[in-house]
All heavy atoms as atom14 arrays in JSON, in Angstrom:
{
  "sequence": "ASDLLESLELPTDRIHSKIAGINHMAWLLEITRDGKDLYPEIKA",
  "atom14_mask": [
    [1, 1, 1, 1, 1, 0, 0, 0, 0, 0, 0, 0, 0, 0],
    [1, 1, 1, 1, 1, 1, 0, 0, 0, 0, 0, 0, 0, 0],
    [1, 1, 1, 1, 1, 1, 1, 1, 0, 0, 0, 0, 0, 0],
    [1, 1, 1, 1, 1, 1, 1, 1, 0, 0, 0, 0, 0, 0],
    [1, 1, 1, 1, 1, 1, 1, 1, 0, 0, 0, 0, 0, 0],
    [1, 1, 1, 1, 1, 1, 1, 1, 1, 0, 0, 0, 0, 0],
    [1, 1, 1, 1, 1, 1, 0, 0, 0, 0, 0, 0, 0, 0],
    [1, 1, 1, 1, 1, 1, 1, 1, 0, 0, 0, 0, 0, 0],
    [1, 1, 1, 1, 1, 1, 1, 1, 1, 0, 0, 0, 0, 0],
    [1, 1, 1, 1, 1, 1, 1, 1, 0, 0, 0, 0, 0, 0],
    [1, 1, 1, 1, 1, 1, 1, 0, 0, 0, 0, 0, 0, 0],
    [1, 1, 1, 1, 1, 1, 1, 0, 0, 0, 0, 0, 0, 0],
    [1, 1, 1, 1, 1, 1, 1, 1, 0, 0, 0, 0, 0, 0],
    [1, 1, 1, 1, 1, 1, 1, 1, 1, 1, 1, 0, 0, 0],
    [1, 1, 1, 1, 1, 1, 1, 1, 0, 0, 0, 0, 0, 0],
    [1, 1, 1, 1, 1, 1, 1, 1, 1, 1, 0, 0, 0, 0],
    [1, 1, 1, 1, 1, 1, 0, 0, 0, 0, 0, 0, 0, 0],
    [1, 1, 1, 1, 1, 1, 1, 1, 1, 0, 0, 0, 0, 0],
    [1, 1, 1, 1, 1, 1, 1, 1, 0, 0, 0, 0, 0, 0],
    [1, 1, 1, 1, 1, 0, 0, 0, 0, 0, 0, 0, 0, 0],
    [1, 1, 1, 1, 0, 0, 0, 0, 0, 0, 0, 0, 0, 0],
    [1, 1, 1, 1, 1, 1, 1, 1, 0, 0, 0, 0, 0, 0],
    [1, 1, 1, 1, 1, 1, 1, 1, 0, 0, 0, 0, 0, 0],
    [1, 1, 1, 1, 1, 1, 1, 1, 1, 1, 0, 0, 0, 0],
    [1, 1, 1, 1, 1, 1, 1, 1, 0, 0, 0, 0, 0, 0],
    [1, 1, 1, 1, 1, 0, 0, 0, 0, 0, 0, 0, 0, 0],
    [1, 1, 1, 1, 1, 1, 1, 1, 1, 1, 1, 1, 1, 1],
    [1, 1, 1, 1, 1, 1, 1, 1, 0, 0, 0, 0, 0, 0],
    [1, 1, 1, 1, 1, 1, 1, 1, 0, 0, 0, 0, 0, 0],
    [1, 1, 1, 1, 1, 1, 1, 1, 1, 0, 0, 0, 0, 0],
    [1, 1, 1, 1, 1, 1, 1, 1, 0, 0, 0, 0, 0, 0],
    [1, 1, 1, 1, 1, 1, 1, 0, 0, 0, 0, 0, 0, 0],
    [1, 1, 1, 1, 1, 1, 1, 1, 1, 1, 1, 0, 0, 0],
    [1, 1, 1, 1, 1, 1, 1, 1, 0, 0, 0, 0, 0, 0],
    [1, 1, 1, 1, 0, 0, 0, 0, 0, 0, 0, 0, 0, 0],
    [1, 1, 1, 1, 1, 1, 1, 1, 1, 0, 0, 0, 0, 0],
    [1, 1, 1, 1, 1, 1, 1, 1, 0, 0, 0, 0, 0, 0],
    [1, 1, 1, 1, 1, 1, 1, 1, 0, 0, 0, 0, 0, 0],
    [1, 1, 1, 1, 1, 1, 1, 1, 1, 1, 1, 1, 0, 0],
    [1, 1, 1, 1, 1, 1, 1, 0, 0, 0, 0, 0, 0, 0],
    [1, 1, 1, 1, 1, 1, 1, 1, 1, 0, 0, 0, 0, 0],
    [1, 1, 1, 1, 1, 1, 1, 1, 0, 0, 0, 0, 0, 0],
    [1, 1, 1, 1, 1, 1, 1, 1, 1, 0, 0, 0, 0, 0],
    [1, 1, 1, 1, 1, 0, 0, 0, 0, 0, 0, 0, 0, 0]
  ],
  "atom14_positions": [
    [[3.73, 149.76, -31.21], [4.16, 148.7, -31.99], [4.23, 148.87, -33.47], [5.16, 148.48, -34.08], [3.19, 147.54, -31.7], [0.0, 0.0, 0.0], [0.0, 0.0, 0.0], [0.0, 0.0, 0.0], [0.0, 0.0, 0.0], [0.0, 0.0, 0.0], [0.0, 0.0, 0.0], [0.0, 0.0, 0.0], [0.0, 0.0, 0.0], [0.0, 0.0, 0.0]],
    [[3.17, 149.55, -34.09], [3.19, 149.81, -35.43], [4.35, 150.77, -35.88], [4.95, 150.55, -36.95], [1.82, 150.34, -35.87], [1.5, 151.58, -35.21], [0.0, 0.0, 0.0], [0.0, 0.0, 0.0], [0.0, 0.0, 0.0], [0.0, 0.0, 0.0], [0.0, 0.0, 0.0], [0.0, 0.0, 0.0], [0.0, 0.0, 0.0], [0.0, 0.0, 0.0]],
    [[4.53, 151.78, -35.15], [5.72, 152.67, -35.51], [7.12, 151.97, -35.51], [7.87, 152.12, -36.32], [5.71, 153.8, -34.61], [4.63, 154.91, -34.93], [3.86, 154.64, -35.82], [4.56, 155.81, -34.22], [0.0, 0.0, 0.0], [0.0, 0.0, 0.0], [0.0, 0.0, 0.0], [0.0, 0.0, 0.0], [0.0, 0.0, 0.0], [0.0, 0.0, 0.0]],
    [[7.28, 151.06, -34.49], [8.52, 150.27, -34.38], [8.68, 149.39, -35.7], [9.71, 149.4, -36.25], [8.48, 149.42, -33.16], [9.62, 148.39, -33.01], [10.93, 149.05, -33.0], [9.41, 147.55, -31.75], [0.0, 0.0, 0.0], [0.0, 0.0, 0.0], [0.0, 0.0, 0.0], [0.0, 0.0, 0.0], [0.0, 0.0, 0.0], [0.0, 0.0, 0.0]],
    [[7.55, 148.66, -35.95], [7.68, 147.64, -37.08], [7.86, 148.44, -38.42], [8.75, 148.15, -39.25], [6.46, 147.04, -37.19], [6.22, 145.98, -36.02], [4.87, 145.21, -36.19], [7.37, 144.92, -35.93], [0.0, 0.0, 0.0], [0.0, 0.0, 0.0], [0.0, 0.0, 0.0], [0.0, 0.0, 0.0], [0.0, 0.0, 0.0], [0.0, 0.0, 0.0]],
    [[7.21, 149.58, -38.55], [7.35, 150.36, -39.78], [8.88, 150.97, -39.93], [9.37, 150.89, -41.03], [6.42, 151.54, -39.85], [4.93, 151.05, -40.03], [4.02, 152.26, -39.99], [4.37, 153.32, -39.72], [2.67, 151.94, -40.12], [0.0, 0.0, 0.0], [0.0, 0.0, 0.0], [0.0, 0.0, 0.0], [0.0, 0.0, 0.0], [0.0, 0.0, 0.0]],
    [[9.45, 151.33, -38.73], [10.75, 151.88, -38.86], [11.8, 150.93, -39.22], [12.86, 151.05, -39.64], [11.17, 152.47, -37.45], [11.37, 151.53, -36.51], [0.0, 0.0, 0.0], [0.0, 0.0, 0.0], [0.0, 0.0, 0.0], [0.0, 0.0, 0.0], [0.0, 0.0, 0.0], [0.0, 0.0, 0.0], [0.0, 0.0, 0.0], [0.0, 0.0, 0.0]],
    [[11.49, 149.5, -38.98], [12.31, 148.5, -39.25], [11.91, 147.76, -40.59], [12.48, 146.68, -40.91], [12.41, 147.54, -38.14], [12.92, 148.04, -36.77], [12.77, 146.99, -35.69], [14.41, 148.47, -36.96], [0.0, 0.0, 0.0], [0.0, 0.0, 0.0], [0.0, 0.0, 0.0], [0.0, 0.0, 0.0], [0.0, 0.0, 0.0], [0.0, 0.0, 0.0]],
    [[10.96, 148.34, -41.3], [10.47, 147.82, -42.49], [9.96, 146.44, -42.35], [10.16, 145.5, -43.21], [11.59, 147.81, -43.59], [12.11, 149.3, -43.83], [13.12, 149.34, -45.02], [13.7, 148.22, -45.34], [13.46, 150.39, -45.35], [0.0, 0.0, 0.0], [0.0, 0.0, 0.0], [0.0, 0.0, 0.0], [0.0, 0.0, 0.0], [0.0, 0.0, 0.0]],
    [[9.07, 146.24, -41.35], [8.41, 144.92, -41.03], [6.96, 145.15, -41.15], [6.46, 146.37, -40.95], [8.77, 144.49, -39.62], [10.13, 143.89, -39.45], [10.53, 143.74, -38.02], [10.36, 142.5, -40.2], [0.0, 0.0, 0.0], [0.0, 0.0, 0.0], [0.0, 0.0, 0.0], [0.0, 0.0, 0.0], [0.0, 0.0, 0.0], [0.0, 0.0, 0.0]],
    [[6.22, 144.2, -41.61], [4.83, 144.38, -41.79], [4.06, 144.61, -40.44], [4.47, 144.08, -39.41], [4.24, 143.02, -42.46], [5.44, 142.16, -42.29], [6.63, 142.88, -42.13], [0.0, 0.0, 0.0], [0.0, 0.0, 0.0], [0.0, 0.0, 0.0], [0.0, 0.0, 0.0], [0.0, 0.0, 0.0], [0.0, 0.0, 0.0], [0.0, 0.0, 0.0]],
    [[2.93, 145.24, -40.48], [2.17, 145.59, -39.26], [0.94, 144.91, -39.03], [0.18, 145.12, -38.11], [2.0, 147.11, -39.22], [1.07, 147.57, -40.36], [3.26, 147.91, -39.18], [0.0, 0.0, 0.0], [0.0, 0.0, 0.0], [0.0, 0.0, 0.0], [0.0, 0.0, 0.0], [0.0, 0.0, 0.0], [0.0, 0.0, 0.0], [0.0, 0.0, 0.0]],
    [[0.53, 143.97, -40.04], [-0.77, 143.27, -39.94], [-0.67, 142.1, -38.99], [0.42, 141.58, -38.79], [-1.2, 142.85, -41.36], [-0.23, 141.91, -42.07], [0.98, 142.13, -41.88], [-0.7, 140.88, -42.56], [0.0, 0.0, 0.0], [0.0, 0.0, 0.0], [0.0, 0.0, 0.0], [0.0, 0.0, 0.0], [0.0, 0.0, 0.0], [0.0, 0.0, 0.0]],
    [[-1.83, 141.83, -38.47], [-2.02, 140.58, -37.63], [-1.05, 140.6, -36.41], [-0.55, 139.55, -36.06], [-1.85, 139.28, -38.55], [-2.79, 139.2, -39.72], [-2.67, 137.81, -40.25], [-1.49, 137.25, -40.64], [-0.68, 137.53, -41.63], [-1.14, 138.44, -42.5], [0.55, 136.98, -41.79], [0.0, 0.0, 0.0], [0.0, 0.0, 0.0], [0.0, 0.0, 0.0]],
    [[-0.89, 141.7, -35.91], [0.02, 141.97, -34.69], [-0.71, 141.84, -33.5], [-1.94, 142.45, -33.35], [0.79, 143.35, -34.86], [1.57, 143.34, -36.14], [1.54, 143.54, -33.56], [2.75, 142.25, -36.11], [0.0, 0.0, 0.0], [0.0, 0.0, 0.0], [0.0, 0.0, 0.0], [0.0, 0.0, 0.0], [0.0, 0.0, 0.0], [0.0, 0.0, 0.0]],
    [[-0.14, 141.29, -32.5], [-0.67, 141.27, -31.07], [0.55, 141.76, -30.22], [1.55, 141.36, -30.35], [-1.06, 139.96, -30.61], [-1.35, 139.85, -29.13], [-2.55, 140.38, -28.6], [-0.67, 139.46, -28.05], [-2.55, 140.28, -27.21], [-1.38, 139.68, -26.92], [0.0, 0.0, 0.0], [0.0, 0.0, 0.0], [0.0, 0.0, 0.0], [0.0, 0.0, 0.0]],
    [[0.13, 142.76, -29.32], [1.17, 143.3, -28.46], [0.59, 143.49, -27.11], [-0.51, 143.6, -26.79], [1.76, 144.61, -29.01], [0.65, 145.69, -28.97], [0.0, 0.0, 0.0], [0.0, 0.0, 0.0], [0.0, 0.0, 0.0], [0.0, 0.0, 0.0], [0.0, 0.0, 0.0], [0.0, 0.0, 0.0], [0.0, 0.0, 0.0], [0.0, 0.0, 0.0]],
    [[1.46, 143.55, -25.99], [1.24, 143.75, -24.67], [2.15, 144.86, -24.16], [3.36, 144.71, -24.28], [1.39, 142.53, -23.88], [1.03, 142.61, -22.47], [1.23, 141.22, -21.76], [0.94, 141.31, -20.21], [1.15, 139.97, -19.55], [0.0, 0.0, 0.0], [0.0, 0.0, 0.0], [0.0, 0.0, 0.0], [0.0, 0.0, 0.0], [0.0, 0.0, 0.0]],
    [[1.58, 145.92, -23.53], [2.4, 147.0, -23.08], [2.0, 147.37, -21.71], [0.83, 147.58, -21.39], [2.11, 148.2, -24.07], [2.67, 147.98, -25.46], [2.78, 149.59, -23.39], [2.45, 149.09, -26.29], [0.0, 0.0, 0.0], [0.0, 0.0, 0.0], [0.0, 0.0, 0.0], [0.0, 0.0, 0.0], [0.0, 0.0, 0.0], [0.0, 0.0, 0.0]],
    [[3.01, 147.6, -20.85], [2.74, 147.96, -19.53], [3.92, 148.64, -18.9], [5.12, 148.41, -19.28], [2.33, 146.86, -18.62], [0.0, 0.0, 0.0], [0.0, 0.0, 0.0], [0.0, 0.0, 0.0], [0.0, 0.0, 0.0], [0.0, 0.0, 0.0], [0.0, 0.0, 0.0], [0.0, 0.0, 0.0], [0.0, 0.0, 0.0], [0.0, 0.0, 0.0]],
    [[3.81, 149.5, -17.92], [4.87, 150.19, -17.24], [4.32, 151.51, -16.59], [3.33, 151.49, -15.85], [0.0, 0.0, 0.0], [0.0, 0.0, 0.0], [0.0, 0.0, 0.0], [0.0, 0.0, 0.0], [0.0, 0.0, 0.0], [0.0, 0.0, 0.0], [0.0, 0.0, 0.0], [0.0, 0.0, 0.0], [0.0, 0.0, 0.0], [0.0, 0.0, 0.0]],
    [[5.06, 152.6, -16.88], [4.46, 153.94, -16.44], [4.46, 154.85, -17.6], [4.98, 154.59, -18.72], [5.42, 154.6, -15.33], [6.88, 154.81, -15.89], [5.49, 153.7, -14.14], [7.73, 155.64, -14.96], [0.0, 0.0, 0.0], [0.0, 0.0, 0.0], [0.0, 0.0, 0.0], [0.0, 0.0, 0.0], [0.0, 0.0, 0.0], [0.0, 0.0, 0.0]],
    [[3.8, 155.98, -17.51], [3.54, 156.87, -18.71], [4.85, 157.31, -19.18], [5.81, 157.71, -18.52], [2.72, 158.02, -18.31], [2.57, 158.96, -19.4], [2.91, 160.18, -19.4], [1.94, 158.57, -20.59], [0.0, 0.0, 0.0], [0.0, 0.0, 0.0], [0.0, 0.0, 0.0], [0.0, 0.0, 0.0], [0.0, 0.0, 0.0], [0.0, 0.0, 0.0]],
    [[5.01, 157.22, -20.57], [6.24, 157.54, -21.24], [7.34, 156.65, -21.0], [8.45, 156.79, -21.69], [6.66, 159.01, -20.91], [5.86, 160.07, -21.63], [6.0, 161.4, -21.54], [4.73, 159.96, -22.29], [5.06, 162.1, -22.2], [4.27, 161.23, -22.77], [0.0, 0.0, 0.0], [0.0, 0.0, 0.0], [0.0, 0.0, 0.0], [0.0, 0.0, 0.0]],
    [[7.23, 155.66, -20.11], [8.19, 154.63, -19.95], [7.48, 153.28, -19.77], [7.73, 152.6, -18.75], [9.2, 154.94, -18.9], [10.48, 154.15, -18.94], [11.51, 154.2, -17.48], [12.14, 155.95, -17.67], [0.0, 0.0, 0.0], [0.0, 0.0, 0.0], [0.0, 0.0, 0.0], [0.0, 0.0, 0.0], [0.0, 0.0, 0.0], [0.0, 0.0, 0.0]],
    [[6.51, 153.05, -20.61], [5.92, 151.74, -20.63], [6.71, 150.88, -21.67], [7.33, 151.3, -22.51], [4.41, 151.82, -20.97], [0.0, 0.0, 0.0], [0.0, 0.0, 0.0], [0.0, 0.0, 0.0], [0.0, 0.0, 0.0], [0.0, 0.0, 0.0], [0.0, 0.0, 0.0], [0.0, 0.0, 0.0], [0.0, 0.0, 0.0], [0.0, 0.0, 0.0]],
    [[6.54, 149.47, -21.38], [7.32, 148.59, -22.23], [6.6, 147.65, -23.19], [5.54, 147.22, -22.61], [8.19, 147.74, -21.18], [8.9, 148.67, -20.18], [8.58, 148.95, -18.96], [10.22, 149.34, -20.42], [9.57, 149.77, -18.37], [10.51, 150.09, -19.33], [11.09, 149.39, -21.57], [11.71, 150.83, -19.22], [12.18, 150.17, -21.49], [12.49, 150.87, -20.3]],
    [[7.14, 147.42, -24.36], [6.48, 146.55, -25.24], [6.88, 145.2, -24.78], [8.07, 144.64, -25.14], [6.99, 146.87, -26.7], [6.4, 146.0, -27.82], [4.88, 146.24, -27.84], [7.02, 146.33, -29.17], [0.0, 0.0, 0.0], [0.0, 0.0, 0.0], [0.0, 0.0, 0.0], [0.0, 0.0, 0.0], [0.0, 0.0, 0.0], [0.0, 0.0, 0.0]],
    [[6.14, 144.53, -23.92], [6.55, 143.35, -23.22], [6.44, 142.23, -24.25], [7.21, 141.23, -24.1], [5.7, 143.07, -22.04], [5.72, 144.22, -20.87], [4.67, 143.84, -19.81], [7.11, 144.23, -20.32], [0.0, 0.0, 0.0], [0.0, 0.0, 0.0], [0.0, 0.0, 0.0], [0.0, 0.0, 0.0], [0.0, 0.0, 0.0], [0.0, 0.0, 0.0]],
    [[5.51, 142.25, -25.06], [5.2, 141.07, -26.03], [4.84, 141.69, -27.37], [4.1, 142.62, -27.5], [4.14, 140.08, -25.57], [4.32, 139.42, -24.26], [3.17, 138.72, -23.79], [2.16, 138.61, -24.54], [3.15, 138.17, -22.67], [0.0, 0.0, 0.0], [0.0, 0.0, 0.0], [0.0, 0.0, 0.0], [0.0, 0.0, 0.0], [0.0, 0.0, 0.0]],
    [[5.35, 141.11, -28.47], [4.88, 141.45, -29.82], [4.96, 140.29, -30.78], [6.1, 139.71, -30.73], [5.68, 142.78, -30.37], [5.24, 143.04, -31.74], [7.23, 142.45, -30.42], [5.53, 144.41, -32.26], [0.0, 0.0, 0.0], [0.0, 0.0, 0.0], [0.0, 0.0, 0.0], [0.0, 0.0, 0.0], [0.0, 0.0, 0.0], [0.0, 0.0, 0.0]],
    [[3.86, 139.87, -31.16], [3.8, 138.66, -32.03], [2.95, 138.8, -33.29], [2.13, 139.72, -33.4], [3.14, 137.49, -31.3], [1.76, 137.86, -30.88], [3.96, 137.16, -29.89], [0.0, 0.0, 0.0], [0.0, 0.0, 0.0], [0.0, 0.0, 0.0], [0.0, 0.0, 0.0], [0.0, 0.0, 0.0], [0.0, 0.0, 0.0], [0.0, 0.0, 0.0]],
    [[3.26, 138.06, -34.32], [2.43, 138.09, -35.48], [1.96, 136.56, -35.77], [2.76, 135.61, -35.78], [3.08, 138.49, -36.75], [2.23, 138.36, -38.06], [2.94, 138.68, -39.23], [3.11, 140.16, -39.34], [4.33, 140.68, -39.21], [5.47, 139.86, -38.93], [4.54, 141.99, -39.23], [0.0, 0.0, 0.0], [0.0, 0.0, 0.0], [0.0, 0.0, 0.0]],
    [[0.64, 136.27, -35.66], [0.1, 134.94, -35.73], [0.73, 134.01, -34.7], [1.08, 132.85, -35.05], [0.32, 134.39, -37.15], [-0.45, 135.2, -38.23], [-1.52, 135.76, -37.87], [0.0, 135.27, -39.32], [0.0, 0.0, 0.0], [0.0, 0.0, 0.0], [0.0, 0.0, 0.0], [0.0, 0.0, 0.0], [0.0, 0.0, 0.0], [0.0, 0.0, 0.0]],
    [[1.03, 134.53, -33.53], [1.49, 133.77, -32.5], [3.17, 133.65, -32.46], [3.74, 133.18, -31.53], [0.0, 0.0, 0.0], [0.0, 0.0, 0.0], [0.0, 0.0, 0.0], [0.0, 0.0, 0.0], [0.0, 0.0, 0.0], [0.0, 0.0, 0.0], [0.0, 0.0, 0.0], [0.0, 0.0, 0.0], [0.0, 0.0, 0.0], [0.0, 0.0, 0.0]],
    [[3.76, 134.16, -33.45], [5.24, 134.04, -33.55], [5.91, 135.37, -32.91], [5.52, 136.39, -33.27], [5.75, 133.94, -34.92], [7.26, 133.84, -35.01], [7.75, 133.75, -36.57], [9.2, 133.77, -36.71], [9.59, 133.83, -38.07], [0.0, 0.0, 0.0], [0.0, 0.0, 0.0], [0.0, 0.0, 0.0], [0.0, 0.0, 0.0], [0.0, 0.0, 0.0]],
    [[6.85, 135.01, -31.99], [7.57, 136.1, -31.28], [8.3, 137.0, -32.33], [9.27, 136.37, -33.07], [8.48, 135.58, -30.26], [9.17, 136.61, -29.34], [8.81, 137.85, -29.69], [10.09, 136.27, -28.7], [0.0, 0.0, 0.0], [0.0, 0.0, 0.0], [0.0, 0.0, 0.0], [0.0, 0.0, 0.0], [0.0, 0.0, 0.0], [0.0, 0.0, 0.0]],
    [[8.11, 138.27, -32.41], [8.84, 139.09, -33.35], [10.07, 139.68, -32.81], [10.76, 140.29, -33.49], [7.91, 140.25, -33.87], [6.78, 139.72, -34.77], [5.97, 141.0, -35.19], [7.13, 139.01, -35.91], [0.0, 0.0, 0.0], [0.0, 0.0, 0.0], [0.0, 0.0, 0.0], [0.0, 0.0, 0.0], [0.0, 0.0, 0.0], [0.0, 0.0, 0.0]],
    [[10.22, 139.57, -31.46], [11.41, 140.29, -30.84], [12.76, 139.82, -31.51], [13.63, 140.73, -31.6], [11.38, 140.11, -29.36], [10.92, 141.42, -28.7], [9.93, 141.52, -27.7], [11.53, 142.61, -28.9], [9.61, 142.65, -26.93], [11.25, 143.83, -28.32], [10.23, 143.8, -27.36], [9.8, 144.99, -26.77], [0.0, 0.0, 0.0], [0.0, 0.0, 0.0]],
    [[12.97, 138.64, -31.69], [14.36, 138.25, -32.28], [14.63, 139.14, -33.57], [15.76, 139.52, -33.71], [14.25, 136.75, -32.51], [13.25, 136.25, -31.48], [12.3, 137.35, -31.35], [0.0, 0.0, 0.0], [0.0, 0.0, 0.0], [0.0, 0.0, 0.0], [0.0, 0.0, 0.0], [0.0, 0.0, 0.0], [0.0, 0.0, 0.0], [0.0, 0.0, 0.0]],
    [[13.7, 139.05, -34.49], [13.93, 139.84, -35.69], [14.02, 141.32, -35.39], [14.87, 141.99, -36.15], [12.72, 139.52, -36.76], [12.81, 140.25, -38.0], [13.97, 139.75, -38.89], [14.52, 138.72, -38.61], [14.21, 140.43, -39.84], [0.0, 0.0, 0.0], [0.0, 0.0, 0.0], [0.0, 0.0, 0.0], [0.0, 0.0, 0.0], [0.0, 0.0, 0.0]],
    [[13.14, 141.85, -34.48], [13.22, 143.31, -34.23], [14.58, 143.63, -33.66], [15.27, 144.63, -34.11], [12.14, 143.63, -33.19], [10.82, 143.59, -33.87], [12.48, 144.98, -32.47], [9.6, 143.68, -32.9], [0.0, 0.0, 0.0], [0.0, 0.0, 0.0], [0.0, 0.0, 0.0], [0.0, 0.0, 0.0], [0.0, 0.0, 0.0], [0.0, 0.0, 0.0]],
    [[15.15, 142.87, -32.78], [16.46, 143.23, -32.21], [17.59, 143.11, -33.19], [18.45, 143.96, -33.18], [16.68, 142.23, -30.98], [15.73, 142.57, -29.78], [15.93, 141.51, -28.58], [15.06, 141.84, -27.47], [15.2, 140.95, -26.42], [0.0, 0.0, 0.0], [0.0, 0.0, 0.0], [0.0, 0.0, 0.0], [0.0, 0.0, 0.0], [0.0, 0.0, 0.0]],
    [[17.48, 142.14, -34.04], [18.5, 142.01, -35.07], [18.52, 143.27, -36.06], [19.53, 143.78, -36.36], [18.36, 140.7, -35.84], [0.0, 0.0, 0.0], [0.0, 0.0, 0.0], [0.0, 0.0, 0.0], [0.0, 0.0, 0.0], [0.0, 0.0, 0.0], [0.0, 0.0, 0.0], [0.0, 0.0, 0.0], [0.0, 0.0, 0.0], [0.0, 0.0, 0.0]]
  ]
}
């Protein structure tokens, strides 16, 4: 999560994330800051 946000020049503080899948192909299922979904901004 932190590497993704840094690569997109987004702050990395107060982040909550949920990851699951298989090794080397697990998925960032959720990523929020203070309860706000960050995926729309990440995808843009």
